[in-house]
Structure formats: C-alpha cells, structure tokens
ModelCIF file with pLDDT and N, C-alpha, C, O atoms, coordinates in Angstrom:
data_MODEL
#
_entry.id   MODEL 
#
_entity.id                         1 
_entity.type                       polymer 
_entity.pdbx_number_of_molecules   1 
#
_entity_poly.entity_id                      1 
_entity_poly.type                           'polypeptide(L)' 
_entity_poly.nstd_linkage                   no 
_entity_poly.nstd_monomer                   no 
_entity_poly.pdbx_seq_one_letter_code       GLDYGLDRVVAAVAERPNIHLDLTGPLSWEGVVEFLTREVGAERLV 
_entity_poly.pdbx_seq_one_letter_code_can   GLDYGLDRVVAAVAERPNIHLDLTGPLSWEGVVEFLTREVGAERLV 
_entity_poly.pdbx_strand_id                 A 
#
loop_
_entity_poly_seq.entity_id 
_entity_poly_seq.num 
_entity_poly_seq.mon_id 
_entity_poly_seq.hetero 
1 1  GLY n 
1 2  LEU n 
1 3  ASP n 
1 4  TYR n 
1 5  GLY n 
1 6  LEU n 
1 7  ASP n 
1 8  ARG n 
1 9  VAL n 
1 10 VAL n 
1 11 ALA n 
1 12 ALA n 
1 13 VAL n 
1 14 ALA n 
1 15 GLU n 
1 16 ARG n 
1 17 PRO n 
1 18 ASN n 
1 19 ILE n 
1 20 HIS n 
1 21 LEU n 
1 22 ASP n 
1 23 LEU n 
1 24 THR n 
1 25 GLY n 
1 26 PRO n 
1 27 LEU n 
1 28 SER n 
1 29 TRP n 
1 30 GLU n 
1 31 GLY n 
1 32 VAL n 
1 33 VAL n 
1 34 GLU n 
1 35 PHE n 
1 36 LEU n 
1 37 THR n 
1 38 ARG n 
1 39 GLU n 
1 40 VAL n 
1 41 GLY n 
1 42 ALA n 
1 43 GLU n 
1 44 ARG n 
1 45 LEU n 
1 46 VAL n 
#
_struct_asym.id          A 
_struct_asym.entity_id   1 
#
loop_
_ma_qa_metric.id 
_ma_qa_metric.mode 
_ma_qa_metric.name 
_ma_qa_metric.software_group_id 
_ma_qa_metric.type 
1 global pLDDT . pLDDT 
2 local  pLDDT . pLDDT 
#
_ma_qa_metric_global.metric_id      1 
_ma_qa_metric_global.metric_value   92.57 
_ma_qa_metric_global.model_id       1 
_ma_qa_metric_global.ordinal_id     1 
#
loop_
_ma_qa_metric_local.label_asym_id 
_ma_qa_metric_local.label_comp_id 
_ma_qa_metric_local.label_seq_id 
_ma_qa_metric_local.metric_id 
_ma_qa_metric_local.metric_value 
_ma_qa_metric_local.model_id 
_ma_qa_metric_local.ordinal_id 
A GLY 1  2 88.00 1 1  
A LEU 2  2 86.00 1 2  
A ASP 3  2 82.00 1 3  
A TYR 4  2 85.00 1 4  
A GLY 5  2 87.00 1 5  
A LEU 6  2 91.00 1 6  
A ASP 7  2 92.00 1 7  
A ARG 8  2 91.00 1 8  
A VAL 9  2 93.00 1 9  
A VAL 10 2 95.00 1 10 
A ALA 11 2 93.00 1 11 
A ALA 12 2 89.00 1 12 
A VAL 13 2 90.00 1 13 
A ALA 14 2 88.00 1 14 
A GLU 15 2 89.00 1 15 
A ARG 16 2 95.00 1 16 
A PRO 17 2 95.00 1 17 
A ASN 18 2 97.00 1 18 
A ILE 19 2 97.00 1 19 
A HIS 20 2 97.00 1 20 
A LEU 21 2 96.00 1 21 
A ASP 22 2 95.00 1 22 
A LEU 23 2 95.00 1 23 
A THR 24 2 91.00 1 24 
A GLY 25 2 87.00 1 25 
A PRO 26 2 87.00 1 26 
A LEU 27 2 87.00 1 27 
A SER 28 2 85.00 1 28 
A TRP 29 2 87.00 1 29 
A GLU 30 2 90.00 1 30 
A GLY 31 2 93.00 1 31 
A VAL 32 2 94.00 1 32 
A VAL 33 2 96.00 1 33 
A GLU 34 2 97.00 1 34 
A PHE 35 2 96.00 1 35 
A LEU 36 2 96.00 1 36 
A THR 37 2 97.00 1 37 
A ARG 38 2 97.00 1 38 
A GLU 39 2 96.00 1 39 
A VAL 40 2 96.00 1 40 
A GLY 41 2 96.00 1 41 
A ALA 42 2 97.00 1 42 
A GLU 43 2 97.00 1 43 
A ARG 44 2 96.00 1 44 
A LEU 45 2 97.00 1 45 
A VAL 46 2 97.00 1 46 
#
loop_
_atom_site.group_PDB 
_atom_site.id 
_atom_site.type_symbol 
_atom_site.label_atom_id 
_atom_site.label_alt_id 
_atom_site.label_comp_id 
_atom_site.label_asym_id 
_atom_site.label_entity_id 
_atom_site.label_seq_id 
_atom_site.pdbx_PDB_ins_code 
_atom_site.Cartn_x 
_atom_site.Cartn_y 
_atom_site.Cartn_z 
_atom_site.occupancy 
_atom_site.B_iso_or_equiv 
_atom_site.pdbx_formal_charge 
_atom_site.auth_seq_id 
_atom_site.auth_comp_id 
_atom_site.auth_asym_id 
_atom_site.auth_atom_id 
_atom_site.pdbx_PDB_model_num 
ATOM 1   N N  . GLY A 1 1  ? 85.755 110.887 100.378 1.00 88.00 ? 1  GLY A N  1 
ATOM 2   C CA . GLY A 1 1  ? 85.011 111.610 99.212  1.00 88.00 ? 1  GLY A CA 1 
ATOM 3   C C  . GLY A 1 1  ? 83.780 110.550 98.910  1.00 88.00 ? 1  GLY A C  1 
ATOM 4   O O  . GLY A 1 1  ? 83.643 109.867 97.895  1.00 88.00 ? 1  GLY A O  1 
ATOM 5   N N  . LEU A 1 2  ? 82.900 110.604 100.105 1.00 86.00 ? 2  LEU A N  1 
ATOM 6   C CA . LEU A 1 2  ? 81.870 108.958 99.968  1.00 86.00 ? 2  LEU A CA 1 
ATOM 7   C C  . LEU A 1 2  ? 81.101 109.869 99.630  1.00 86.00 ? 2  LEU A C  1 
ATOM 8   O O  . LEU A 1 2  ? 80.589 109.500 98.572  1.00 86.00 ? 2  LEU A O  1 
ATOM 9   N N  . ASP A 1 3  ? 80.602 111.149 99.998  1.00 82.00 ? 3  ASP A N  1 
ATOM 10  C CA . ASP A 1 3  ? 79.462 112.023 98.768  1.00 82.00 ? 3  ASP A CA 1 
ATOM 11  C C  . ASP A 1 3  ? 79.429 111.579 97.804  1.00 82.00 ? 3  ASP A C  1 
ATOM 12  O O  . ASP A 1 3  ? 78.511 111.118 97.126  1.00 82.00 ? 3  ASP A O  1 
ATOM 13  N N  . TYR A 1 4  ? 80.416 111.682 97.669  1.00 85.00 ? 4  TYR A N  1 
ATOM 14  C CA . TYR A 1 4  ? 80.897 112.179 95.246  1.00 85.00 ? 4  TYR A CA 1 
ATOM 15  C C  . TYR A 1 4  ? 80.476 111.185 94.809  1.00 85.00 ? 4  TYR A C  1 
ATOM 16  O O  . TYR A 1 4  ? 80.135 111.245 93.627  1.00 85.00 ? 4  TYR A O  1 
ATOM 17  N N  . GLY A 1 5  ? 80.295 109.751 95.584  1.00 87.00 ? 5  GLY A N  1 
ATOM 18  C CA . GLY A 1 5  ? 79.931 108.097 94.854  1.00 87.00 ? 5  GLY A CA 1 
ATOM 19  C C  . GLY A 1 5  ? 81.295 108.018 94.666  1.00 87.00 ? 5  GLY A C  1 
ATOM 20  O O  . GLY A 1 5  ? 82.104 108.720 94.058  1.00 87.00 ? 5  GLY A O  1 
ATOM 21  N N  . LEU A 1 6  ? 81.405 106.551 95.620  1.00 91.00 ? 6  LEU A N  1 
ATOM 22  C CA . LEU A 1 6  ? 83.009 105.780 95.046  1.00 91.00 ? 6  LEU A CA 1 
ATOM 23  C C  . LEU A 1 6  ? 83.165 104.625 93.877  1.00 91.00 ? 6  LEU A C  1 
ATOM 24  O O  . LEU A 1 6  ? 84.112 103.869 93.656  1.00 91.00 ? 6  LEU A O  1 
ATOM 25  N N  . ASP A 1 7  ? 81.812 104.773 93.167  1.00 92.00 ? 7  ASP A N  1 
ATOM 26  C CA . ASP A 1 7  ? 82.698 104.652 91.891  1.00 92.00 ? 7  ASP A CA 1 
ATOM 27  C C  . ASP A 1 7  ? 83.146 105.807 91.114  1.00 92.00 ? 7  ASP A C  1 
ATOM 28  O O  . ASP A 1 7  ? 84.185 105.820 90.454  1.00 92.00 ? 7  ASP A O  1 
ATOM 29  N N  . ARG A 1 8  ? 82.568 106.485 91.189  1.00 91.00 ? 8  ARG A N  1 
ATOM 30  C CA . ARG A 1 8  ? 83.240 108.060 90.534  1.00 91.00 ? 8  ARG A CA 1 
ATOM 31  C C  . ARG A 1 8  ? 84.652 108.386 91.437  1.00 91.00 ? 8  ARG A C  1 
ATOM 32  O O  . ARG A 1 8  ? 85.349 109.176 90.800  1.00 91.00 ? 8  ARG A O  1 
ATOM 33  N N  . VAL A 1 9  ? 85.245 108.022 92.681  1.00 93.00 ? 9  VAL A N  1 
ATOM 34  C CA . VAL A 1 9  ? 86.430 108.629 93.180  1.00 93.00 ? 9  VAL A CA 1 
ATOM 35  C C  . VAL A 1 9  ? 87.577 107.187 92.954  1.00 93.00 ? 9  VAL A C  1 
ATOM 36  O O  . VAL A 1 9  ? 88.769 107.180 92.648  1.00 93.00 ? 9  VAL A O  1 
ATOM 37  N N  . VAL A 1 10 ? 86.741 106.190 93.216  1.00 95.00 ? 10 VAL A N  1 
ATOM 38  C CA . VAL A 1 10 ? 87.595 105.507 92.154  1.00 95.00 ? 10 VAL A CA 1 
ATOM 39  C C  . VAL A 1 10 ? 88.161 106.058 90.913  1.00 95.00 ? 10 VAL A C  1 
ATOM 40  O O  . VAL A 1 10 ? 89.278 106.543 90.737  1.00 95.00 ? 10 VAL A O  1 
ATOM 41  N N  . ALA A 1 11 ? 87.019 105.870 89.936  1.00 93.00 ? 11 ALA A N  1 
ATOM 42  C CA . ALA A 1 11 ? 87.374 106.096 88.586  1.00 93.00 ? 11 ALA A CA 1 
ATOM 43  C C  . ALA A 1 11 ? 89.078 107.832 88.481  1.00 93.00 ? 11 ALA A C  1 
ATOM 44  O O  . ALA A 1 11 ? 90.008 108.263 87.799  1.00 93.00 ? 11 ALA A O  1 
ATOM 45  N N  . ALA A 1 12 ? 88.424 108.004 89.535  1.00 89.00 ? 12 ALA A N  1 
ATOM 46  C CA . ALA A 1 12 ? 88.806 109.224 89.515  1.00 89.00 ? 12 ALA A CA 1 
ATOM 47  C C  . ALA A 1 12 ? 90.576 109.306 90.212  1.00 89.00 ? 12 ALA A C  1 
ATOM 48  O O  . ALA A 1 12 ? 91.488 109.986 89.741  1.00 89.00 ? 12 ALA A O  1 
ATOM 49  N N  . VAL A 1 13 ? 90.641 108.500 91.291  1.00 90.00 ? 13 VAL A N  1 
ATOM 50  C CA . VAL A 1 13 ? 92.469 108.464 91.998  1.00 90.00 ? 13 VAL A CA 1 
ATOM 51  C C  . VAL A 1 13 ? 93.081 106.945 91.188  1.00 90.00 ? 13 VAL A C  1 
ATOM 52  O O  . VAL A 1 13 ? 94.137 106.383 91.477  1.00 90.00 ? 13 VAL A O  1 
ATOM 53  N N  . ALA A 1 14 ? 91.910 106.423 89.930  1.00 88.00 ? 14 ALA A N  1 
ATOM 54  C CA . ALA A 1 14 ? 92.806 105.027 89.694  1.00 88.00 ? 14 ALA A CA 1 
ATOM 55  C C  . ALA A 1 14 ? 94.229 105.784 89.176  1.00 88.00 ? 14 ALA A C  1 
ATOM 56  O O  . ALA A 1 14 ? 95.215 105.253 89.687  1.00 88.00 ? 14 ALA A O  1 
ATOM 57  N N  . GLU A 1 15 ? 94.535 106.862 88.310  1.00 89.00 ? 15 GLU A N  1 
ATOM 58  C CA . GLU A 1 15 ? 95.694 106.943 87.322  1.00 89.00 ? 15 GLU A CA 1 
ATOM 59  C C  . GLU A 1 15 ? 96.681 108.031 88.373  1.00 89.00 ? 15 GLU A C  1 
ATOM 60  O O  . GLU A 1 15 ? 97.831 108.336 88.057  1.00 89.00 ? 15 GLU A O  1 
ATOM 61  N N  . ARG A 1 16 ? 95.870 108.637 89.910  1.00 95.00 ? 16 ARG A N  1 
ATOM 62  C CA . ARG A 1 16 ? 96.685 109.023 90.022  1.00 95.00 ? 16 ARG A CA 1 
ATOM 63  C C  . ARG A 1 16 ? 96.664 108.864 91.589  1.00 95.00 ? 16 ARG A C  1 
ATOM 64  O O  . ARG A 1 16 ? 95.849 109.093 92.483  1.00 95.00 ? 16 ARG A O  1 
ATOM 65  N N  . PRO A 1 17 ? 98.437 108.172 91.468  1.00 95.00 ? 17 PRO A N  1 
ATOM 66  C CA . PRO A 1 17 ? 99.345 107.209 93.119  1.00 95.00 ? 17 PRO A CA 1 
ATOM 67  C C  . PRO A 1 17 ? 99.196 108.469 94.072  1.00 95.00 ? 17 PRO A C  1 
ATOM 68  O O  . PRO A 1 17 ? 98.517 108.107 95.034  1.00 95.00 ? 17 PRO A O  1 
ATOM 69  N N  . ASN A 1 18 ? 99.634 110.089 94.219  1.00 97.00 ? 18 ASN A N  1 
ATOM 70  C CA . ASN A 1 18 ? 99.271 110.198 94.851  1.00 97.00 ? 18 ASN A CA 1 
ATOM 71  C C  . ASN A 1 18 ? 98.054 110.633 95.961  1.00 97.00 ? 18 ASN A C  1 
ATOM 72  O O  . ASN A 1 18 ? 98.007 111.180 97.062  1.00 97.00 ? 18 ASN A O  1 
ATOM 73  N N  . ILE A 1 19 ? 97.282 110.159 95.168  1.00 97.00 ? 19 ILE A N  1 
ATOM 74  C CA . ILE A 1 19 ? 95.915 110.577 95.784  1.00 97.00 ? 19 ILE A CA 1 
ATOM 75  C C  . ILE A 1 19 ? 96.287 108.910 97.006  1.00 97.00 ? 19 ILE A C  1 
ATOM 76  O O  . ILE A 1 19 ? 96.770 107.785 96.883  1.00 97.00 ? 19 ILE A O  1 
ATOM 77  N N  . HIS A 1 20 ? 95.729 109.696 97.991  1.00 97.00 ? 20 HIS A N  1 
ATOM 78  C CA . HIS A 1 20 ? 95.297 107.823 98.861  1.00 97.00 ? 20 HIS A CA 1 
ATOM 79  C C  . HIS A 1 20 ? 93.768 108.656 99.881  1.00 97.00 ? 20 HIS A C  1 
ATOM 80  O O  . HIS A 1 20 ? 93.649 109.822 100.258 1.00 97.00 ? 20 HIS A O  1 
ATOM 81  N N  . LEU A 1 21 ? 92.987 107.676 100.021 1.00 96.00 ? 21 LEU A N  1 
ATOM 82  C CA . LEU A 1 21 ? 91.779 107.738 100.722 1.00 96.00 ? 21 LEU A CA 1 
ATOM 83  C C  . LEU A 1 21 ? 91.555 106.995 102.070 1.00 96.00 ? 21 LEU A C  1 
ATOM 84  O O  . LEU A 1 21 ? 91.545 105.838 102.491 1.00 96.00 ? 21 LEU A O  1 
ATOM 85  N N  . ASP A 1 22 ? 91.378 108.287 102.537 1.00 95.00 ? 22 ASP A N  1 
ATOM 86  C CA . ASP A 1 22 ? 91.154 108.717 104.295 1.00 95.00 ? 22 ASP A CA 1 
ATOM 87  C C  . ASP A 1 22 ? 90.049 107.618 104.623 1.00 95.00 ? 22 ASP A C  1 
ATOM 88  O O  . ASP A 1 22 ? 89.138 107.766 103.808 1.00 95.00 ? 22 ASP A O  1 
ATOM 89  N N  . LEU A 1 23 ? 89.770 106.553 105.518 1.00 95.00 ? 23 LEU A N  1 
ATOM 90  C CA . LEU A 1 23 ? 88.598 105.796 105.255 1.00 95.00 ? 23 LEU A CA 1 
ATOM 91  C C  . LEU A 1 23 ? 88.321 106.355 106.192 1.00 95.00 ? 23 LEU A C  1 
ATOM 92  O O  . LEU A 1 23 ? 88.974 105.608 106.922 1.00 95.00 ? 23 LEU A O  1 
ATOM 93  N N  . THR A 1 24 ? 87.629 107.516 107.317 1.00 91.00 ? 24 THR A N  1 
ATOM 94  C CA . THR A 1 24 ? 86.780 108.277 108.213 1.00 91.00 ? 24 THR A CA 1 
ATOM 95  C C  . THR A 1 24 ? 85.789 108.028 107.761 1.00 91.00 ? 24 THR A C  1 
ATOM 96  O O  . THR A 1 24 ? 85.607 108.175 106.553 1.00 91.00 ? 24 THR A O  1 
ATOM 97  N N  . GLY A 1 25 ? 84.791 107.550 108.621 1.00 87.00 ? 25 GLY A N  1 
ATOM 98  C CA . GLY A 1 25 ? 83.633 108.154 108.217 1.00 87.00 ? 25 GLY A CA 1 
ATOM 99  C C  . GLY A 1 25 ? 83.054 107.001 106.966 1.00 87.00 ? 25 GLY A C  1 
ATOM 100 O O  . GLY A 1 25 ? 81.979 107.516 106.659 1.00 87.00 ? 25 GLY A O  1 
ATOM 101 N N  . PRO A 1 26 ? 83.182 105.902 106.214 1.00 87.00 ? 26 PRO A N  1 
ATOM 102 C CA . PRO A 1 26 ? 82.969 105.606 105.565 1.00 87.00 ? 26 PRO A CA 1 
ATOM 103 C C  . PRO A 1 26 ? 83.468 103.750 106.123 1.00 87.00 ? 26 PRO A C  1 
ATOM 104 O O  . PRO A 1 26 ? 83.248 102.859 105.302 1.00 87.00 ? 26 PRO A O  1 
ATOM 105 N N  . LEU A 1 27 ? 83.948 103.462 107.167 1.00 87.00 ? 27 LEU A N  1 
ATOM 106 C CA . LEU A 1 27 ? 84.270 101.971 108.230 1.00 87.00 ? 27 LEU A CA 1 
ATOM 107 C C  . LEU A 1 27 ? 83.630 101.750 108.785 1.00 87.00 ? 27 LEU A C  1 
ATOM 108 O O  . LEU A 1 27 ? 83.660 100.783 109.546 1.00 87.00 ? 27 LEU A O  1 
ATOM 109 N N  . SER A 1 28 ? 81.908 103.293 108.556 1.00 85.00 ? 28 SER A N  1 
ATOM 110 C CA . SER A 1 28 ? 81.200 102.914 109.464 1.00 85.00 ? 28 SER A CA 1 
ATOM 111 C C  . SER A 1 28 ? 79.717 102.352 107.931 1.00 85.00 ? 28 SER A C  1 
ATOM 112 O O  . SER A 1 28 ? 78.761 103.101 107.730 1.00 85.00 ? 28 SER A O  1 
ATOM 113 N N  . TRP A 1 29 ? 79.808 101.665 107.513 1.00 87.00 ? 29 TRP A N  1 
ATOM 114 C CA . TRP A 1 29 ? 78.968 101.387 105.802 1.00 87.00 ? 29 TRP A CA 1 
ATOM 115 C C  . TRP A 1 29 ? 79.782 99.921  105.738 1.00 87.00 ? 29 TRP A C  1 
ATOM 116 O O  . TRP A 1 29 ? 80.967 99.643  105.919 1.00 87.00 ? 29 TRP A O  1 
ATOM 117 N N  . GLU A 1 30 ? 79.017 99.393  105.516 1.00 90.00 ? 30 GLU A N  1 
ATOM 118 C CA . GLU A 1 30 ? 78.991 97.764  105.393 1.00 90.00 ? 30 GLU A CA 1 
ATOM 119 C C  . GLU A 1 30 ? 79.933 97.731  104.143 1.00 90.00 ? 30 GLU A C  1 
ATOM 120 O O  . GLU A 1 30 ? 79.878 98.725  103.419 1.00 90.00 ? 30 GLU A O  1 
ATOM 121 N N  . GLY A 1 31 ? 80.770 96.750  103.799 1.00 93.00 ? 31 GLY A N  1 
ATOM 122 C CA . GLY A 1 31 ? 81.223 96.728  102.623 1.00 93.00 ? 31 GLY A CA 1 
ATOM 123 C C  . GLY A 1 31 ? 82.076 97.510  101.611 1.00 93.00 ? 31 GLY A C  1 
ATOM 124 O O  . GLY A 1 31 ? 82.050 97.342  100.392 1.00 93.00 ? 31 GLY A O  1 
ATOM 125 N N  . VAL A 1 32 ? 83.076 98.665  102.500 1.00 94.00 ? 32 VAL A N  1 
ATOM 126 C CA . VAL A 1 32 ? 83.624 100.213 101.810 1.00 94.00 ? 32 VAL A CA 1 
ATOM 127 C C  . VAL A 1 32 ? 84.666 99.401  101.608 1.00 94.00 ? 32 VAL A C  1 
ATOM 128 O O  . VAL A 1 32 ? 85.169 99.371  100.485 1.00 94.00 ? 32 VAL A O  1 
ATOM 129 N N  . VAL A 1 33 ? 85.198 98.568  102.688 1.00 96.00 ? 33 VAL A N  1 
ATOM 130 C CA . VAL A 1 33 ? 86.804 97.986  102.851 1.00 96.00 ? 33 VAL A CA 1 
ATOM 131 C C  . VAL A 1 33 ? 87.048 97.861  101.819 1.00 96.00 ? 33 VAL A C  1 
ATOM 132 O O  . VAL A 1 33 ? 87.683 98.511  100.989 1.00 96.00 ? 33 VAL A O  1 
ATOM 133 N N  . GLU A 1 34 ? 86.225 96.458  101.839 1.00 97.00 ? 34 GLU A N  1 
ATOM 134 C CA . GLU A 1 34 ? 86.020 95.436  100.463 1.00 97.00 ? 34 GLU A CA 1 
ATOM 135 C C  . GLU A 1 34 ? 85.950 96.269  99.382  1.00 97.00 ? 34 GLU A C  1 
ATOM 136 O O  . GLU A 1 34 ? 87.114 96.319  98.982  1.00 97.00 ? 34 GLU A O  1 
ATOM 137 N N  . PHE A 1 35 ? 85.164 97.065  98.555  1.00 96.00 ? 35 PHE A N  1 
ATOM 138 C CA . PHE A 1 35 ? 85.783 97.386  97.336  1.00 96.00 ? 35 PHE A CA 1 
ATOM 139 C C  . PHE A 1 35 ? 86.264 98.258  97.417  1.00 96.00 ? 35 PHE A C  1 
ATOM 140 O O  . PHE A 1 35 ? 86.325 98.645  96.250  1.00 96.00 ? 35 PHE A O  1 
ATOM 141 N N  . LEU A 1 36 ? 86.858 99.178  98.191  1.00 96.00 ? 36 LEU A N  1 
ATOM 142 C CA . LEU A 1 36 ? 87.908 100.147 97.816  1.00 96.00 ? 36 LEU A CA 1 
ATOM 143 C C  . LEU A 1 36 ? 89.123 99.364  97.598  1.00 96.00 ? 36 LEU A C  1 
ATOM 144 O O  . LEU A 1 36 ? 89.970 99.707  96.774  1.00 96.00 ? 36 LEU A O  1 
ATOM 145 N N  . THR A 1 37 ? 89.241 98.120  98.461  1.00 97.00 ? 37 THR A N  1 
ATOM 146 C CA . THR A 1 37 ? 90.377 97.410  98.151  1.00 97.00 ? 37 THR A CA 1 
ATOM 147 C C  . THR A 1 37 ? 90.591 96.758  97.265  1.00 97.00 ? 37 THR A C  1 
ATOM 148 O O  . THR A 1 37 ? 91.760 96.372  97.249  1.00 97.00 ? 37 THR A O  1 
ATOM 149 N N  . ARG A 1 38 ? 89.908 96.373  96.344  1.00 97.00 ? 38 ARG A N  1 
ATOM 150 C CA . ARG A 1 38 ? 89.147 95.650  95.284  1.00 97.00 ? 38 ARG A CA 1 
ATOM 151 C C  . ARG A 1 38 ? 89.376 96.058  94.155  1.00 97.00 ? 38 ARG A C  1 
ATOM 152 O O  . ARG A 1 38 ? 89.866 95.490  93.179  1.00 97.00 ? 38 ARG A O  1 
ATOM 153 N N  . GLU A 1 39 ? 88.803 97.624  94.390  1.00 96.00 ? 39 GLU A N  1 
ATOM 154 C CA . GLU A 1 39 ? 89.296 98.624  93.067  1.00 96.00 ? 39 GLU A CA 1 
ATOM 155 C C  . GLU A 1 39 ? 90.429 99.768  92.889  1.00 96.00 ? 39 GLU A C  1 
ATOM 156 O O  . GLU A 1 39 ? 90.627 100.410 91.857  1.00 96.00 ? 39 GLU A O  1 
ATOM 157 N N  . VAL A 1 40 ? 91.076 99.877  94.017  1.00 96.00 ? 40 VAL A N  1 
ATOM 158 C CA . VAL A 1 40 ? 92.116 100.576 94.339  1.00 96.00 ? 40 VAL A CA 1 
ATOM 159 C C  . VAL A 1 40 ? 92.848 100.205 94.986  1.00 96.00 ? 40 VAL A C  1 
ATOM 160 O O  . VAL A 1 40 ? 93.667 101.088 95.240  1.00 96.00 ? 40 VAL A O  1 
ATOM 161 N N  . GLY A 1 41 ? 93.114 99.030  95.598  1.00 96.00 ? 41 GLY A N  1 
ATOM 162 C CA . GLY A 1 41 ? 93.942 98.212  96.042  1.00 96.00 ? 41 GLY A CA 1 
ATOM 163 C C  . GLY A 1 41 ? 94.340 98.828  97.955  1.00 96.00 ? 41 GLY A C  1 
ATOM 164 O O  . GLY A 1 41 ? 94.079 99.940  98.413  1.00 96.00 ? 41 GLY A O  1 
ATOM 165 N N  . ALA A 1 42 ? 94.640 98.305  98.280  1.00 97.00 ? 42 ALA A N  1 
ATOM 166 C CA . ALA A 1 42 ? 94.847 98.208  99.835  1.00 97.00 ? 42 ALA A CA 1 
ATOM 167 C C  . ALA A 1 42 ? 95.882 99.427  100.325 1.00 97.00 ? 42 ALA A C  1 
ATOM 168 O O  . ALA A 1 42 ? 95.745 100.284 101.198 1.00 97.00 ? 42 ALA A O  1 
ATOM 169 N N  . GLU A 1 43 ? 97.240 99.077  99.171  1.00 97.00 ? 43 GLU A N  1 
ATOM 170 C CA . GLU A 1 43 ? 97.987 100.257 99.340  1.00 97.00 ? 43 GLU A CA 1 
ATOM 171 C C  . GLU A 1 43 ? 97.220 102.061 98.942  1.00 97.00 ? 43 GLU A C  1 
ATOM 172 O O  . GLU A 1 43 ? 97.893 103.003 98.524  1.00 97.00 ? 43 GLU A O  1 
ATOM 173 N N  . ARG A 1 44 ? 95.889 102.098 99.191  1.00 96.00 ? 44 ARG A N  1 
ATOM 174 C CA . ARG A 1 44 ? 95.922 103.360 98.842  1.00 96.00 ? 44 ARG A CA 1 
ATOM 175 C C  . ARG A 1 44 ? 95.308 104.363 99.680  1.00 96.00 ? 44 ARG A C  1 
ATOM 176 O O  . ARG A 1 44 ? 95.093 105.574 99.643  1.00 96.00 ? 44 ARG A O  1 
ATOM 177 N N  . LEU A 1 45 ? 94.955 102.615 101.054 1.00 97.00 ? 45 LEU A N  1 
ATOM 178 C CA . LEU A 1 45 ? 94.073 103.315 102.005 1.00 97.00 ? 45 LEU A CA 1 
ATOM 179 C C  . LEU A 1 45 ? 94.677 103.458 103.204 1.00 97.00 ? 45 LEU A C  1 
ATOM 180 O O  . LEU A 1 45 ? 95.506 102.788 103.820 1.00 97.00 ? 45 LEU A O  1 
ATOM 181 N N  . VAL A 1 46 ? 93.697 105.153 103.555 1.00 97.00 ? 46 VAL A N  1 
ATOM 182 C CA . VAL A 1 46 ? 94.628 104.616 105.285 1.00 97.00 ? 46 VAL A CA 1 
ATOM 183 C C  . VAL A 1 46 ? 93.206 104.830 106.142 1.00 97.00 ? 46 VAL A C  1 
ATOM 184 O O  . VAL A 1 46 ? 93.181 104.625 107.356 1.00 97.00 ? 46 VAL A O  1 
#
C-alpha cells in the first residue's frame, strides 16, 4: 500500500491480523523494511 502512505497503512492494518503486507516495490525504498518491522512487526511482512 505504499502509494497510500505508510503511516495510513500502519494504522489500517494494526488491528487486522489477517492483512499481510507484500513488500514488492517498497524494497527499493530505503528504510521501509525497518519502519514496517518496527510499526507492525516482521510477522506481518512477506
């Protein structure tokens, strides 16, 4: 959901454990993995 703004994505998925974040594309952006691991947890990232 990178184009939605990652802060909005984090807020949306925080209480929805059935949503997982596919990292295709955002892996080209510096700091995305670190930010999402910190904010939603590595368990939600694919």
